[in-house]
C-alpha atoms as a PDB file:
ATOM      1  CA  UNK A   1      -0.070   0.008   0.449  1.00  0.00           C
ATOM      2  CA  UNK A   2       1.745   3.532  -1.380  1.00  0.00           C
ATOM      3  CA  UNK A   3       1.793   6.306   0.947  1.00  0.00           C
ATOM      4  CA  UNK A   4      -0.104   9.710   0.549  1.00  0.00           C
ATOM      5  CA  UNK A   5       1.133  13.034  -0.313  1.00  0.00           C
ATOM      6  CA  UNK A   6      -0.117  14.585   3.311  1.00  0.00           C
ATOM      7  CA  UNK A   7       0.665  11.459   5.527  1.00  0.00           C
ATOM      8  CA  UNK A   8       4.729  11.800   3.828  1.00  0.00           C
ATOM      9  CA  UNK A   9       4.631  15.560   4.352  1.00  0.00           C
ATOM     10  CA  UNK A  10       3.488  14.683   8.177  1.00  0.00           C
ATOM     11  CA  UNK A  11       6.403  12.094   8.355  1.00  0.00           C
ATOM     12  CA  UNK A  12       8.691  14.851   7.371  1.00  0.00           C
ATOM     13  CA  UNK A  13       7.902  17.229   9.259  1.00  0.00           C
ATOM     14  CA  UNK A  14      10.998  19.512   9.443  1.00  0.00           C
ATOM     15  CA  UNK A  15      13.189  22.106   7.678  1.00  0.00           C
ATOM     16  CA  UNK A  16      12.145  22.327   3.340  1.00  0.00           C
ATOM     17  CA  UNK A  17      15.371  21.884   2.119  1.00  0.00           C
ATOM     18  CA  UNK A  18      15.913  19.870  -0.850  1.00  0.00           C
ATOM     19  CA  UNK A  19      17.329  17.022   0.397  1.00  0.00           C
ATOM     20  CA  UNK A  20      13.946  15.986   1.822  1.00  0.00           C
ATOM     21  CA  UNK A  21      11.795  17.222  -0.684  1.00  0.00           C
ATOM     22  CA  UNK A  22      13.540  14.791  -3.069  1.00  0.00           C
ATOM     23  CA  UNK A  23      12.996  12.020   0.213  1.00  0.00           C
ATOM     24  CA  UNK A  24       9.222  12.927   0.012  1.00  0.00           C
ATOM     25  CA  UNK A  25       9.297  12.147  -3.679  1.00  0.00           C
ATOM     26  CA  UNK A  26      10.580   8.703  -3.232  1.00  0.00           C
ATOM     27  CA  UNK A  27       8.906   7.991  -0.274  1.00  0.00           C
ATOM     28  CA  UNK A  28       5.471   8.738  -2.684  1.00  0.00           C
ATOM     29  CA  UNK A  29       6.648   6.830  -5.436  1.00  0.00           C
ATOM     30  CA  UNK A  30       7.491   3.591  -3.309  1.00  0.00           C
ATOM     31  CA  UNK A  31      10.332   1.075  -3.798  1.00  0.00           C
ATOM     32  CA  UNK A  32      10.223   0.141  -7.679  1.00  0.00           C
ATOM     33  CA  UNK A  33      10.781  -3.502  -9.029  1.00  0.00           C
ATOM     34  CA  UNK A  34      13.259  -3.763 -10.408  1.00  0.00           C
ATOM     35  CA  UNK A  35      13.484  -6.100 -13.637  1.00  0.00           C
ATOM     36  CA  UNK A  36      15.252  -9.426 -14.382  1.00  0.00           C
ATOM     37  CA  UNK A  37      18.313  -9.184 -16.728  1.00  0.00           C
ATOM     38  CA  UNK A  38      18.551 -11.798 -19.261  1.00  0.00           C
ATOM     39  CA  UNK A  39      20.998 -12.653 -21.346  1.00  0.00           C
ATOM     40  CA  UNK A  40      20.835 -15.177 -23.466  1.00  0.00           C
ATOM     41  CA  UNK A  41      24.536 -17.635 -23.219  1.00  0.00           C
ATOM     42  CA  UNK A  42      26.647 -17.017 -26.161  1.00  0.00           C
ATOM     43  CA  UNK A  43      27.410 -20.706 -27.957  1.00  0.00           C
ATOM     44  CA  UNK A  44      24.249 -22.578 -25.913  1.00  0.00           C
ATOM     45  CA  UNK A  45      24.088 -25.619 -28.936  1.00  0.00           C
ATOM     46  CA  UNK A  46      27.960 -26.282 -27.133  1.00  0.00           C
ATOM     47  CA  UNK A  47      26.666 -25.652 -23.706  1.00  0.00           C
ATOM     48  CA  UNK A  48      26.140 -29.439 -22.645  1.00  0.00           C
ATOM     49  CA  UNK A  49      29.637 -30.322 -24.219  1.00  0.00           C
ATOM     50  CA  UNK A  50      31.188 -28.626 -21.725  1.00  0.00           C
ATOM     51  CA  UNK A  51      32.969 -30.866 -18.861  1.00  0.00           C
ATOM     52  CA  UNK A  52      32.129 -29.869 -15.239  1.00  0.00           C
ATOM     53  CA  UNK A  53      34.965 -28.087 -14.271  1.00  0.00           C
ATOM     54  CA  UNK A  54      34.384 -25.784 -17.679  1.00  0.00           C
ATOM     55  CA  UNK A  55      30.668 -25.488 -16.712  1.00  0.00           C
ATOM     56  CA  UNK A  56      31.142 -24.322 -13.870  1.00  0.00           C
ATOM     57  CA  UNK A  57      33.686 -21.578 -14.284  1.00  0.00           C
ATOM     58  CA  UNK A  58      30.957 -20.394 -16.819  1.00  0.00           C
ATOM     59  CA  UNK A  59      28.242 -20.515 -14.664  1.00  0.00           C
ATOM     60  CA  UNK A  60      31.061 -18.273 -12.050  1.00  0.00           C
ATOM     61  CA  UNK A  61      31.028 -16.129 -14.511  1.00  0.00           C
ATOM     62  CA  UNK A  62      27.479 -15.365 -15.406  1.00  0.00           C
ATOM     63  CA  UNK A  63      26.868 -14.994 -11.835  1.00  0.00           C
ATOM     64  CA  UNK A  64      30.095 -12.304 -10.979  1.00  0.00           C
ATOM     65  CA  UNK A  65      28.033 -10.295 -13.722  1.00  0.00           C
ATOM     66  CA  UNK A  66      26.168  -9.131 -10.836  1.00  0.00           C
ATOM     67  CA  UNK A  67      27.033  -8.066  -7.464  1.00  0.00           C
ATOM     68  CA  UNK A  68      24.163  -8.633  -5.938  1.00  0.00           C
ATOM     69  CA  UNK A  69      21.329 -10.551  -6.207  1.00  0.00           C
ATOM     70  CA  UNK A  70      18.307 -12.156  -5.188  1.00  0.00           C
ATOM     71  CA  UNK A  71      17.164 -14.575  -7.582  1.00  0.00           C
ATOM     72  CA  UNK A  72      18.738 -16.383 -10.825  1.00  0.00           C
ATOM     73  CA  UNK A  73      17.393 -18.880 -13.370  1.00  0.00           C
ATOM     74  CA  UNK A  74      19.198 -20.414 -16.144  1.00  0.00           C
ATOM     75  CA  UNK A  75      16.860 -22.269 -18.660  1.00  0.00           C
ATOM     76  CA  UNK A  76      18.107 -24.386 -21.509  1.00  0.00           C
ATOM     77  CA  UNK A  77      14.067 -23.490 -23.026  1.00  0.00           C
ATOM     78  CA  UNK A  78      13.438 -20.527 -25.059  1.00  0.00           C
ATOM     79  CA  UNK A  79       9.601 -20.973 -23.627  1.00  0.00           C
ATOM     80  CA  UNK A  80       9.227 -23.351 -20.565  1.00  0.00           C
ATOM     81  CA  UNK A  81       5.495 -23.132 -20.827  1.00  0.00           C
ATOM     82  CA  UNK A  82       5.181 -25.060 -24.212  1.00  0.00           C
ATOM     83  CA  UNK A  83       6.529 -28.197 -21.607  1.00  0.00           C
ATOM     84  CA  UNK A  84       4.904 -30.240 -19.399  1.00  0.00           C
ATOM     85  CA  UNK A  85       7.100 -30.300 -16.539  1.00  0.00           C
ATOM     86  CA  UNK A  86       7.690 -30.827 -12.939  1.00  0.00           C
ATOM     87  CA  UNK A  87       9.352 -28.071 -10.431  1.00  0.00           C
ATOM     88  CA  UNK A  88      11.292 -29.401  -7.367  1.00  0.00           C
ATOM     89  CA  UNK A  89      13.341 -28.557  -4.496  1.00  0.00           C
ATOM     90  CA  UNK A  90      16.471 -29.725  -5.175  1.00  0.00           C
ATOM     91  CA  UNK A  91      18.743 -28.172  -2.492  1.00  0.00           C
ATOM     92  CA  UNK A  92      17.525 -26.850   0.991  1.00  0.00           C
ATOM     93  CA  UNK A  93      19.237 -23.195   2.010  1.00  0.00           C
ATOM     94  CA  UNK A  94      19.063 -22.398   5.611  1.00  0.00           C
ATOM     95  CA  UNK A  95      16.181 -18.743   5.185  1.00  0.00           C
ATOM     96  CA  UNK A  96      17.053 -17.779   8.566  1.00  0.00           C
ATOM     97  CA  UNK A  97      20.379 -16.079   8.602  1.00  0.00           C
ATOM     98  CA  UNK A  98      20.520 -12.455   7.449  1.00  0.00           C
ATOM     99  CA  UNK A  99      22.164 -12.913   4.322  1.00  0.00           C
ATOM    100  CA  UNK A 100      21.877 -15.133   1.821  1.00  0.00           C
ATOM    101  CA  UNK A 101      23.164 -18.319   1.576  1.00  0.00           C
ATOM    102  CA  UNK A 102      26.028 -17.810  -1.408  1.00  0.00           C
ATOM    103  CA  UNK A 103      27.291 -14.466   0.043  1.00  0.00           C
ATOM    104  CA  UNK A 104      28.133 -16.697   2.470  1.00  0.00           C
ATOM    105  CA  UNK A 105      29.766 -19.970   0.830  1.00  0.00           C
ATOM    106  CA  UNK A 106      30.608 -17.802  -2.691  1.00  0.00           C
ATOM    107  CA  UNK A 107      29.654 -17.398  -5.908  1.00  0.00           C
ATOM    108  CA  UNK A 108      31.865 -19.838  -6.719  1.00  0.00           C
ATOM    109  CA  UNK A 109      29.987 -22.950  -4.447  1.00  0.00           C
ATOM    110  CA  UNK A 110      26.892 -21.723  -5.722  1.00  0.00           C
ATOM    111  CA  UNK A 111      27.916 -22.514  -9.092  1.00  0.00           C
ATOM    112  CA  UNK A 112      29.158 -25.772  -8.095  1.00  0.00           C
ATOM    113  CA  UNK A 113      25.223 -26.598  -6.813  1.00  0.00           C
ATOM    114  CA  UNK A 114      24.438 -25.333 -10.008  1.00  0.00           C
ATOM    115  CA  UNK A 115      25.989 -27.690 -12.081  1.00  0.00           C
ATOM    116  CA  UNK A 116      25.153 -30.949  -9.970  1.00  0.00           C
ATOM    117  CA  UNK A 117      21.319 -29.763 -10.944  1.00  0.00           C
ATOM    118  CA  UNK A 118      21.927 -29.341 -14.151  1.00  0.00           C
ATOM    119  CA  UNK A 119      23.048 -32.922 -15.000  1.00  0.00           C
ATOM    120  CA  UNK A 120      20.068 -33.883 -13.994  1.00  0.00           C
ATOM    121  CA  UNK A 121      18.220 -36.025 -17.296  1.00  0.00           C
ATOM    122  CA  UNK A 122      15.807 -33.760 -19.193  1.00  0.00           C
ATOM    123  CA  UNK A 123      16.401 -30.262 -17.203  1.00  0.00           C
ATOM    124  CA  UNK A 124      15.026 -27.517 -18.563  1.00  0.00           C
ATOM    125  CA  UNK A 125      15.548 -24.763 -15.714  1.00  0.00           C
ATOM    126  CA  UNK A 126      17.088 -24.024 -12.642  1.00  0.00           C
ATOM    127  CA  UNK A 127      15.900 -21.822 -10.219  1.00  0.00           C
ATOM    128  CA  UNK A 128      17.625 -20.259  -7.510  1.00  0.00           C
ATOM    129  CA  UNK A 129      15.746 -18.472  -4.651  1.00  0.00           C
ATOM    130  CA  UNK A 130      16.631 -17.200  -0.982  1.00  0.00           C
ATOM    131  CA  UNK A 131      14.610 -21.237   0.006  1.00  0.00           C
ATOM    132  CA  UNK A 132      16.974 -23.145  -2.170  1.00  0.00           C
ATOM    133  CA  UNK A 133      17.891 -24.296  -5.462  1.00  0.00           C
ATOM    134  CA  UNK A 134      14.444 -25.590  -7.484  1.00  0.00           C
ATOM    135  CA  UNK A 135      14.818 -27.874 -10.762  1.00  0.00           C
ATOM    136  CA  UNK A 136      12.452 -27.692 -13.131  1.00  0.00           C
ATOM    137  CA  UNK A 137      12.335 -31.337 -15.253  1.00  0.00           C
ATOM    138  CA  UNK A 138      10.414 -32.590 -18.528  1.00  0.00           C
ATOM    139  CA  UNK A 139       8.267 -34.965 -17.648  1.00  0.00           C
ATOM    140  CA  UNK A 140       7.202 -36.229 -20.954  1.00  0.00           C
ATOM    141  CA  UNK A 141       9.633 -36.742 -23.100  1.00  0.00           C
ATOM    142  CA  UNK A 142      12.983 -36.045 -23.656  1.00  0.00           C
ATOM    143  CA  UNK A 143      14.728 -32.586 -23.659  1.00  0.00           C
ATOM    144  CA  UNK A 144      18.452 -31.532 -25.397  1.00  0.00           C
ATOM    145  CA  UNK A 145      20.213 -29.626 -27.435  1.00  0.00           C
ATOM    146  CA  UNK A 146      18.595 -30.988 -30.117  1.00  0.00           C
ATOM    147  CA  UNK A 147      15.059 -29.760 -29.607  1.00  0.00           C
ATOM    148  CA  UNK A 148      13.646 -27.004 -31.245  1.00  0.00           C
ATOM    149  CA  UNK A 149      13.455 -24.452 -28.569  1.00  0.00           C
ATOM    150  CA  UNK A 150      16.506 -25.446 -27.181  1.00  0.00           C
ATOM    151  CA  UNK A 151      17.983 -21.897 -26.384  1.00  0.00           C
ATOM    152  CA  UNK A 152      20.148 -20.890 -22.946  1.00  0.00           C
ATOM    153  CA  UNK A 153      19.565 -17.942 -20.802  1.00  0.00           C
ATOM    154  CA  UNK A 154      20.408 -16.463 -17.701  1.00  0.00           C
ATOM    155  CA  UNK A 155      18.066 -13.874 -15.906  1.00  0.00           C
ATOM    156  CA  UNK A 156      19.590 -12.037 -12.527  1.00  0.00           C
ATOM    157  CA  UNK A 157      17.699  -9.961 -10.532  1.00  0.00           C
ATOM    158  CA  UNK A 158      19.446  -7.631  -8.630  1.00  0.00           C
ATOM    159  CA  UNK A 159      19.583  -6.650  -5.270  1.00  0.00           C
ATOM    160  CA  UNK A 160      19.069  -2.695  -4.742  1.00  0.00           C
ATOM    161  CA  UNK A 161      18.191  -1.462  -1.375  1.00  0.00           C
ATOM    162  CA  UNK A 162      15.981   1.217  -1.685  1.00  0.00           C
ATOM    163  CA  UNK A 163      17.360   4.814  -0.413  1.00  0.00           C
ATOM    164  CA  UNK A 164      15.702   7.640   1.742  1.00  0.00           C
END
């Protein structure tokens, strides 16, 4: 629920300097949602041919592209809704900590966990959230680099705290 102008002015009932006016505008606007950054993975057809060690290095490099993030999706298909799939939590994270699990253990550790999940047969996508790592697996048929809609991409939702 947003804040209206009168309530925001009442909360900032001090001098009318420019910094207070800017803070007032930000309070009225509220916290803006941050759109995920989606990048197509170059050489996506050859992704399945990489050795696990090389895939860990690649995923680690992609994750380093964003300093702090809240969610990540590594998908191997252009449109996941065209498939019948199952959605399962594969790895649990401790949600009682102040920081995300990958900020405590490191992005290389996270890349290693993601590679373990990507080795699942018929995997469509891997989602990383604060609660854990989820796998999206095609439930009927097979899926691989020879499939029609094989188009790997990574989508990262950056974390930018609101500033007042």
